[in-house]
Amino acid sequence: MRMVAPIEIGICCTDLEKLRNFYVDVLGCTAVNDIEVPADKSRQAALANNGYRVARLQTPWGERLKLLQPVLSPETATSTEWILSRRGLSYITFIVDDLKAIIARLKTAGVTFLTGTDRVEVRPGTFLSFIRDPEGNVLEFVEYSDIREYRADLGR
């Protein structure tokens, strides 16, 4: 496979405005566009029977999150205590340079922390924090003391 753009992730939601505000105001993504897709096109795309709205957001690295709100409210996924206790998409990881600062912003935003409000050192020099966004999706934030140990291609 030869990719021509950074990866995009679609997130089905019930309150697109609230979720967009979180990703833009709290996490610093940039709003790209907001489109209404009619029922005939959403059926052809196998996304929704009655149409949907999609808002695209972009991270500073260029990845895009697509927030998708179908006209008819989607089913609620059941939350589990353990992130890896069910199959399917488990979480989205954001690799950051200052996890303590991100945690402080997330505390102010009132998110639900799965790992507590302090960063967790999972191995020497690797720190993480798991949260739930306003709709219950799991997000991971990771800080590496030396990003080159994780991604040599990013070392500068």
N, C-alpha and C. Protein backbone atom coordinates (compact mmCIF):
# COMPACT_ATOMS: atom_id res chain seq x y z
N MET A 1 0.85 -1.17 0.00
CA MET A 1 0.00 0.00 0.00
C MET A 1 0.89 1.23 0.00
N ARG A 2 0.58 2.17 -0.84
CA ARG A 2 1.30 3.44 -0.88
C ARG A 2 0.33 4.53 -0.47
N MET A 3 0.49 5.05 0.72
CA MET A 3 -0.40 6.11 1.21
C MET A 3 0.03 7.45 0.62
N VAL A 4 -0.95 8.32 0.39
CA VAL A 4 -0.67 9.63 -0.18
C VAL A 4 -0.98 10.78 0.78
N ALA A 5 -1.48 10.44 1.95
CA ALA A 5 -1.78 11.45 2.98
C ALA A 5 -1.76 10.75 4.34
N PRO A 6 -1.63 11.51 5.43
CA PRO A 6 -1.66 10.90 6.78
C PRO A 6 -2.98 10.18 7.03
N ILE A 7 -2.95 9.26 7.96
CA ILE A 7 -4.12 8.45 8.30
C ILE A 7 -5.26 9.33 8.83
N GLU A 8 -6.49 8.91 8.58
CA GLU A 8 -7.68 9.58 9.10
C GLU A 8 -8.46 8.57 9.93
N ILE A 9 -9.10 9.04 10.99
CA ILE A 9 -9.87 8.18 11.88
C ILE A 9 -11.28 8.74 11.98
N GLY A 10 -12.28 7.89 11.77
CA GLY A 10 -13.67 8.30 11.89
C GLY A 10 -14.22 7.94 13.26
N ILE A 11 -14.92 8.89 13.88
CA ILE A 11 -15.51 8.67 15.20
C ILE A 11 -17.01 8.95 15.10
N CYS A 12 -17.83 7.92 15.27
CA CYS A 12 -19.28 8.09 15.28
C CYS A 12 -19.68 8.76 16.59
N CYS A 13 -20.57 9.76 16.50
CA CYS A 13 -20.93 10.50 17.71
C CYS A 13 -22.41 10.88 17.72
N THR A 14 -22.89 11.29 18.88
CA THR A 14 -24.27 11.77 19.01
C THR A 14 -24.34 13.28 19.17
N ASP A 15 -23.26 13.91 19.60
CA ASP A 15 -23.23 15.36 19.78
C ASP A 15 -21.96 15.92 19.15
N LEU A 16 -22.04 16.14 17.84
CA LEU A 16 -20.87 16.57 17.08
C LEU A 16 -20.30 17.89 17.61
N GLU A 17 -21.16 18.83 17.95
CA GLU A 17 -20.69 20.13 18.44
C GLU A 17 -19.85 19.98 19.71
N LYS A 18 -20.36 19.23 20.66
CA LYS A 18 -19.64 19.04 21.93
C LYS A 18 -18.30 18.35 21.69
N LEU A 19 -18.30 17.33 20.85
CA LEU A 19 -17.07 16.60 20.59
C LEU A 19 -16.07 17.47 19.83
N ARG A 20 -16.56 18.22 18.84
CA ARG A 20 -15.66 19.12 18.09
C ARG A 20 -15.04 20.15 19.03
N ASN A 21 -15.85 20.72 19.91
CA ASN A 21 -15.32 21.71 20.85
C ASN A 21 -14.22 21.12 21.72
N PHE A 22 -14.38 19.88 22.15
CA PHE A 22 -13.36 19.22 22.95
C PHE A 22 -12.05 19.06 22.16
N TYR A 23 -12.15 18.51 20.95
CA TYR A 23 -10.94 18.26 20.17
C TYR A 23 -10.27 19.55 19.70
N VAL A 24 -11.04 20.60 19.47
CA VAL A 24 -10.46 21.88 19.04
C VAL A 24 -9.99 22.69 20.25
N ASP A 25 -10.87 22.92 21.21
CA ASP A 25 -10.54 23.81 22.33
C ASP A 25 -9.60 23.19 23.35
N VAL A 26 -9.74 21.91 23.63
CA VAL A 26 -8.93 21.26 24.65
C VAL A 26 -7.66 20.64 24.05
N LEU A 27 -7.80 19.94 22.93
CA LEU A 27 -6.65 19.23 22.36
C LEU A 27 -5.90 20.02 21.28
N GLY A 28 -6.48 21.10 20.80
CA GLY A 28 -5.77 21.95 19.85
C GLY A 28 -5.84 21.53 18.40
N CYS A 29 -6.80 20.69 18.05
CA CYS A 29 -6.99 20.36 16.64
C CYS A 29 -7.57 21.57 15.91
N THR A 30 -7.47 21.58 14.59
CA THR A 30 -8.00 22.66 13.77
C THR A 30 -9.21 22.15 13.01
N ALA A 31 -10.31 22.91 13.04
CA ALA A 31 -11.49 22.55 12.27
C ALA A 31 -11.19 22.78 10.79
N VAL A 32 -11.48 21.77 9.96
CA VAL A 32 -11.20 21.85 8.52
C VAL A 32 -12.47 22.12 7.74
N ASN A 33 -13.50 21.31 7.97
CA ASN A 33 -14.77 21.54 7.28
C ASN A 33 -15.90 20.83 8.01
N ASP A 34 -17.11 21.08 7.56
CA ASP A 34 -18.33 20.52 8.15
C ASP A 34 -19.30 20.30 7.00
N ILE A 35 -19.69 19.05 6.76
CA ILE A 35 -20.47 18.71 5.58
C ILE A 35 -21.68 17.86 5.96
N GLU A 36 -22.82 18.14 5.35
CA GLU A 36 -24.01 17.31 5.48
C GLU A 36 -24.03 16.35 4.29
N VAL A 37 -24.19 15.05 4.56
CA VAL A 37 -24.25 14.05 3.50
C VAL A 37 -25.68 13.52 3.44
N PRO A 38 -26.33 13.61 2.28
CA PRO A 38 -27.72 13.17 2.18
C PRO A 38 -27.85 11.64 2.26
N ALA A 39 -29.08 11.21 2.53
CA ALA A 39 -29.36 9.79 2.75
C ALA A 39 -28.93 8.91 1.59
N ASP A 40 -29.19 9.32 0.35
CA ASP A 40 -28.84 8.44 -0.78
C ASP A 40 -27.34 8.19 -0.84
N LYS A 41 -26.54 9.21 -0.57
CA LYS A 41 -25.08 9.05 -0.60
C LYS A 41 -24.58 8.29 0.63
N SER A 42 -25.19 8.52 1.78
CA SER A 42 -24.74 7.82 2.98
C SER A 42 -25.08 6.33 2.91
N ARG A 43 -26.18 5.99 2.24
CA ARG A 43 -26.52 4.58 2.04
C ARG A 43 -25.52 3.92 1.09
N GLN A 44 -25.20 4.60 -0.03
CA GLN A 44 -24.24 4.06 -0.99
C GLN A 44 -22.88 3.81 -0.33
N ALA A 45 -22.52 4.69 0.60
CA ALA A 45 -21.22 4.57 1.28
C ALA A 45 -21.26 3.61 2.46
N ALA A 46 -22.41 3.02 2.73
CA ALA A 46 -22.60 2.07 3.84
C ALA A 46 -22.32 2.70 5.20
N LEU A 47 -22.57 4.00 5.32
CA LEU A 47 -22.31 4.69 6.58
C LEU A 47 -23.56 4.89 7.43
N ALA A 48 -24.66 5.28 6.80
CA ALA A 48 -25.90 5.51 7.56
C ALA A 48 -27.08 5.46 6.60
N ASN A 49 -28.22 5.05 7.10
CA ASN A 49 -29.41 4.93 6.27
C ASN A 49 -30.03 6.27 5.92
N ASN A 50 -29.98 7.23 6.84
CA ASN A 50 -30.72 8.48 6.66
C ASN A 50 -29.85 9.73 6.54
N GLY A 51 -28.59 9.57 6.22
CA GLY A 51 -27.70 10.71 6.08
C GLY A 51 -26.92 10.95 7.37
N TYR A 52 -25.91 11.80 7.25
CA TYR A 52 -25.08 12.12 8.40
C TYR A 52 -24.37 13.45 8.18
N ARG A 53 -23.79 13.94 9.22
CA ARG A 53 -22.97 15.15 9.19
C ARG A 53 -21.55 14.74 9.55
N VAL A 54 -20.58 15.28 8.85
CA VAL A 54 -19.18 14.99 9.15
C VAL A 54 -18.41 16.29 9.32
N ALA A 55 -17.66 16.37 10.41
CA ALA A 55 -16.76 17.50 10.65
C ALA A 55 -15.36 16.94 10.68
N ARG A 56 -14.49 17.50 9.85
CA ARG A 56 -13.09 17.05 9.82
C ARG A 56 -12.24 18.00 10.64
N LEU A 57 -11.37 17.39 11.44
CA LEU A 57 -10.44 18.13 12.29
C LEU A 57 -9.04 17.66 11.95
N GLN A 58 -8.05 18.52 12.11
CA GLN A 58 -6.69 18.14 11.79
C GLN A 58 -5.77 18.39 12.98
N THR A 59 -4.89 17.41 13.23
CA THR A 59 -3.90 17.55 14.29
C THR A 59 -2.72 18.37 13.74
N PRO A 60 -1.85 18.86 14.63
CA PRO A 60 -0.68 19.60 14.15
C PRO A 60 0.23 18.80 13.22
N TRP A 61 0.19 17.47 13.29
CA TRP A 61 1.02 16.63 12.42
C TRP A 61 0.32 16.30 11.11
N GLY A 62 -0.93 16.65 10.97
CA GLY A 62 -1.63 16.44 9.71
C GLY A 62 -2.61 15.28 9.68
N GLU A 63 -2.67 14.47 10.73
CA GLU A 63 -3.69 13.42 10.77
C GLU A 63 -5.06 14.10 10.91
N ARG A 64 -6.06 13.41 10.44
CA ARG A 64 -7.41 13.97 10.54
C ARG A 64 -8.34 13.05 11.32
N LEU A 65 -9.17 13.68 12.11
CA LEU A 65 -10.26 13.00 12.81
C LEU A 65 -11.54 13.42 12.11
N LYS A 66 -12.38 12.45 11.79
CA LYS A 66 -13.67 12.75 11.19
C LYS A 66 -14.73 12.44 12.23
N LEU A 67 -15.43 13.46 12.69
CA LEU A 67 -16.53 13.28 13.63
C LEU A 67 -17.78 13.11 12.80
N LEU A 68 -18.45 11.96 12.96
CA LEU A 68 -19.59 11.62 12.12
C LEU A 68 -20.83 11.45 12.98
N GLN A 69 -21.84 12.29 12.72
CA GLN A 69 -23.09 12.23 13.48
C GLN A 69 -24.22 11.86 12.53
N PRO A 70 -24.71 10.61 12.63
CA PRO A 70 -25.83 10.21 11.77
C PRO A 70 -27.11 10.95 12.16
N VAL A 71 -28.02 11.08 11.19
CA VAL A 71 -29.30 11.75 11.45
C VAL A 71 -30.05 11.04 12.58
N LEU A 72 -30.09 9.71 12.53
CA LEU A 72 -30.71 8.94 13.61
C LEU A 72 -29.62 8.59 14.62
N SER A 73 -29.89 8.80 15.89
CA SER A 73 -28.88 8.55 16.93
C SER A 73 -28.35 7.14 16.86
N PRO A 74 -27.02 7.00 16.91
CA PRO A 74 -26.43 5.67 16.87
C PRO A 74 -26.59 4.94 18.20
N GLU A 75 -26.40 3.63 18.17
CA GLU A 75 -26.43 2.84 19.40
C GLU A 75 -25.27 3.26 20.29
N THR A 76 -25.46 3.15 21.57
CA THR A 76 -24.40 3.46 22.52
C THR A 76 -23.56 2.22 22.75
N ALA A 77 -22.24 2.38 22.58
CA ALA A 77 -21.33 1.27 22.85
C ALA A 77 -21.19 1.12 24.36
N THR A 78 -21.09 -0.08 24.82
CA THR A 78 -20.94 -0.29 26.26
C THR A 78 -19.49 -0.06 26.67
N SER A 79 -19.32 0.69 27.73
CA SER A 79 -17.99 0.92 28.29
C SER A 79 -17.60 -0.28 29.13
N THR A 80 -16.31 -0.54 29.14
CA THR A 80 -15.79 -1.63 29.96
C THR A 80 -14.73 -1.07 30.90
N GLU A 81 -14.50 -1.76 31.98
CA GLU A 81 -13.50 -1.29 32.94
C GLU A 81 -12.10 -1.33 32.33
N TRP A 82 -11.83 -2.37 31.55
CA TRP A 82 -10.50 -2.57 30.98
C TRP A 82 -10.56 -2.27 29.49
N ILE A 83 -9.67 -1.44 29.02
CA ILE A 83 -9.66 -1.02 27.63
C ILE A 83 -9.60 -2.21 26.68
N LEU A 84 -8.83 -3.21 27.03
CA LEU A 84 -8.64 -4.35 26.13
C LEU A 84 -9.56 -5.53 26.42
N SER A 85 -10.70 -5.25 27.04
CA SER A 85 -11.61 -6.36 27.34
C SER A 85 -12.66 -6.57 26.25
N ARG A 86 -12.57 -5.83 25.16
CA ARG A 86 -13.46 -6.07 24.03
C ARG A 86 -12.70 -5.81 22.74
N ARG A 87 -13.16 -6.44 21.66
CA ARG A 87 -12.52 -6.28 20.36
C ARG A 87 -13.01 -5.01 19.68
N GLY A 88 -12.39 -4.68 18.58
CA GLY A 88 -12.74 -3.48 17.82
C GLY A 88 -11.75 -2.37 18.13
N LEU A 89 -12.01 -1.21 17.59
CA LEU A 89 -11.14 -0.07 17.84
C LEU A 89 -11.07 0.17 19.33
N SER A 90 -9.87 0.20 19.87
CA SER A 90 -9.70 0.33 21.31
C SER A 90 -9.45 1.77 21.74
N TYR A 91 -8.52 2.46 21.07
CA TYR A 91 -8.22 3.83 21.46
C TYR A 91 -7.37 4.52 20.41
N ILE A 92 -7.29 5.83 20.52
CA ILE A 92 -6.45 6.66 19.67
C ILE A 92 -5.31 7.19 20.52
N THR A 93 -4.08 7.14 20.01
CA THR A 93 -2.91 7.60 20.74
C THR A 93 -2.41 8.92 20.18
N PHE A 94 -2.18 9.87 21.08
CA PHE A 94 -1.56 11.15 20.74
C PHE A 94 -0.19 11.15 21.41
N ILE A 95 0.86 11.32 20.65
CA ILE A 95 2.22 11.37 21.21
C ILE A 95 2.55 12.85 21.41
N VAL A 96 2.84 13.20 22.66
CA VAL A 96 2.99 14.61 23.05
C VAL A 96 4.35 14.87 23.66
N ASP A 97 4.69 16.15 23.78
CA ASP A 97 5.99 16.51 24.34
C ASP A 97 5.93 16.87 25.82
N ASP A 98 4.74 17.17 26.35
CA ASP A 98 4.61 17.58 27.75
C ASP A 98 3.33 17.01 28.33
N LEU A 99 3.39 15.77 28.77
CA LEU A 99 2.20 15.07 29.26
C LEU A 99 1.62 15.74 30.50
N LYS A 100 2.47 16.27 31.37
CA LYS A 100 1.95 16.94 32.56
C LYS A 100 1.07 18.13 32.18
N ALA A 101 1.46 18.89 31.17
CA ALA A 101 0.66 20.04 30.72
C ALA A 101 -0.67 19.57 30.11
N ILE A 102 -0.62 18.49 29.35
CA ILE A 102 -1.85 17.95 28.76
C ILE A 102 -2.79 17.48 29.86
N ILE A 103 -2.26 16.79 30.85
CA ILE A 103 -3.10 16.31 31.96
C ILE A 103 -3.75 17.49 32.67
N ALA A 104 -3.02 18.56 32.87
CA ALA A 104 -3.58 19.75 33.52
C ALA A 104 -4.74 20.31 32.69
N ARG A 105 -4.59 20.37 31.37
CA ARG A 105 -5.67 20.85 30.50
C ARG A 105 -6.87 19.92 30.56
N LEU A 106 -6.60 18.63 30.59
CA LEU A 106 -7.68 17.65 30.63
C LEU A 106 -8.43 17.72 31.97
N LYS A 107 -7.71 17.95 33.05
CA LYS A 107 -8.36 18.11 34.36
C LYS A 107 -9.31 19.30 34.32
N THR A 108 -8.85 20.41 33.76
CA THR A 108 -9.68 21.62 33.65
C THR A 108 -10.92 21.34 32.81
N ALA A 109 -10.78 20.50 31.79
CA ALA A 109 -11.90 20.17 30.92
C ALA A 109 -12.87 19.18 31.56
N GLY A 110 -12.48 18.59 32.70
CA GLY A 110 -13.37 17.68 33.42
C GLY A 110 -13.53 16.31 32.79
N VAL A 111 -12.50 15.83 32.09
CA VAL A 111 -12.61 14.50 31.46
C VAL A 111 -12.54 13.40 32.51
N THR A 112 -12.92 12.20 32.09
CA THR A 112 -12.79 11.03 32.94
C THR A 112 -11.43 10.40 32.69
N PHE A 113 -10.62 10.31 33.74
CA PHE A 113 -9.30 9.68 33.64
C PHE A 113 -9.43 8.20 33.97
N LEU A 114 -8.86 7.36 33.12
CA LEU A 114 -8.87 5.93 33.36
C LEU A 114 -7.63 5.50 34.15
N THR A 115 -6.57 6.30 34.07
CA THR A 115 -5.31 5.95 34.72
C THR A 115 -5.01 6.87 35.89
N GLY A 116 -5.97 7.64 36.34
CA GLY A 116 -5.73 8.60 37.41
C GLY A 116 -5.20 9.90 36.81
N THR A 117 -5.03 10.89 37.66
CA THR A 117 -4.66 12.21 37.16
C THR A 117 -3.16 12.48 37.18
N ASP A 118 -2.36 11.45 37.39
CA ASP A 118 -0.92 11.57 37.26
C ASP A 118 -0.49 10.69 36.11
N ARG A 119 0.58 11.09 35.43
CA ARG A 119 1.07 10.25 34.33
C ARG A 119 1.63 8.95 34.89
N VAL A 120 1.54 7.89 34.11
CA VAL A 120 1.99 6.56 34.51
C VAL A 120 3.26 6.23 33.72
N GLU A 121 4.32 5.86 34.42
CA GLU A 121 5.54 5.44 33.75
C GLU A 121 5.45 3.94 33.51
N VAL A 122 5.26 3.54 32.24
CA VAL A 122 5.06 2.13 31.92
C VAL A 122 6.37 1.40 31.65
N ARG A 123 7.40 2.13 31.35
CA ARG A 123 8.77 1.63 31.26
C ARG A 123 9.66 2.86 31.37
N PRO A 124 10.92 2.69 31.66
CA PRO A 124 11.78 3.85 31.87
C PRO A 124 11.70 4.86 30.72
N GLY A 125 11.30 6.09 31.06
CA GLY A 125 11.24 7.16 30.08
C GLY A 125 10.00 7.19 29.21
N THR A 126 9.03 6.32 29.47
CA THR A 126 7.79 6.30 28.70
C THR A 126 6.62 6.49 29.65
N PHE A 127 5.90 7.59 29.46
CA PHE A 127 4.80 7.97 30.34
C PHE A 127 3.50 8.02 29.54
N LEU A 128 2.39 7.64 30.19
CA LEU A 128 1.11 7.68 29.49
C LEU A 128 -0.02 8.09 30.42
N SER A 129 -1.12 8.44 29.78
CA SER A 129 -2.37 8.72 30.48
C SER A 129 -3.51 8.32 29.55
N PHE A 130 -4.51 7.61 30.07
CA PHE A 130 -5.70 7.25 29.32
C PHE A 130 -6.89 8.03 29.87
N ILE A 131 -7.71 8.54 28.95
CA ILE A 131 -8.93 9.26 29.33
C ILE A 131 -10.08 8.81 28.45
N ARG A 132 -11.26 9.31 28.76
CA ARG A 132 -12.42 9.18 27.87
C ARG A 132 -12.79 10.57 27.40
N ASP A 133 -13.05 10.71 26.11
CA ASP A 133 -13.51 12.00 25.58
C ASP A 133 -14.97 12.21 26.01
N PRO A 134 -15.59 13.34 25.67
CA PRO A 134 -16.96 13.59 26.13
C PRO A 134 -18.00 12.55 25.72
N GLU A 135 -17.71 11.73 24.71
CA GLU A 135 -18.66 10.68 24.31
C GLU A 135 -18.22 9.29 24.73
N GLY A 136 -17.15 9.22 25.53
CA GLY A 136 -16.73 7.93 26.05
C GLY A 136 -15.65 7.22 25.26
N ASN A 137 -15.19 7.81 24.15
CA ASN A 137 -14.11 7.20 23.38
C ASN A 137 -12.81 7.28 24.18
N VAL A 138 -12.02 6.24 24.11
CA VAL A 138 -10.77 6.19 24.87
C VAL A 138 -9.64 6.84 24.07
N LEU A 139 -8.91 7.74 24.74
CA LEU A 139 -7.75 8.40 24.16
C LEU A 139 -6.55 8.15 25.04
N GLU A 140 -5.40 7.93 24.40
CA GLU A 140 -4.15 7.74 25.11
C GLU A 140 -3.22 8.90 24.75
N PHE A 141 -2.52 9.41 25.75
CA PHE A 141 -1.50 10.43 25.55
C PHE A 141 -0.20 9.84 26.05
N VAL A 142 0.84 9.88 25.21
CA VAL A 142 2.12 9.27 25.55
C VAL A 142 3.22 10.31 25.38
N GLU A 143 4.16 10.30 26.35
CA GLU A 143 5.36 11.13 26.27
C GLU A 143 6.57 10.21 26.39
N TYR A 144 7.48 10.34 25.45
CA TYR A 144 8.74 9.59 25.47
C TYR A 144 9.86 10.55 25.86
N SER A 145 10.71 10.14 26.79
CA SER A 145 11.86 10.97 27.15
C SER A 145 12.73 11.20 25.93
N ASP A 146 12.83 10.19 25.06
CA ASP A 146 13.59 10.32 23.82
C ASP A 146 12.77 9.68 22.71
N ILE A 147 12.12 10.51 21.91
CA ILE A 147 11.25 10.00 20.85
C ILE A 147 12.01 9.10 19.89
N ARG A 148 13.32 9.28 19.75
CA ARG A 148 14.11 8.46 18.82
C ARG A 148 14.15 7.00 19.23
N GLU A 149 13.97 6.72 20.52
CA GLU A 149 13.94 5.32 20.95
C GLU A 149 12.67 4.62 20.47
N TYR A 150 11.62 5.39 20.30
CA TYR A 150 10.35 4.84 19.82
C TYR A 150 10.26 4.92 18.29
N ARG A 151 10.64 6.08 17.76
CA ARG A 151 10.56 6.34 16.32
C ARG A 151 11.85 6.98 15.85
N ALA A 152 12.81 6.15 15.48
CA ALA A 152 14.10 6.67 15.02
C ALA A 152 13.94 7.59 13.81
N ASP A 153 12.90 7.36 13.02
CA ASP A 153 12.68 8.18 11.84
C ASP A 153 12.27 9.62 12.18
N LEU A 154 11.89 9.87 13.44
CA LEU A 154 11.49 11.21 13.85
C LEU A 154 12.60 11.97 14.57
N GLY A 155 13.69 11.29 14.85
CA GLY A 155 14.79 11.91 15.59
C GLY A 155 15.39 13.07 14.82
N ARG A 156 15.65 14.14 15.54
CA ARG A 156 16.26 15.32 14.92
C ARG A 156 17.46 15.73 15.72
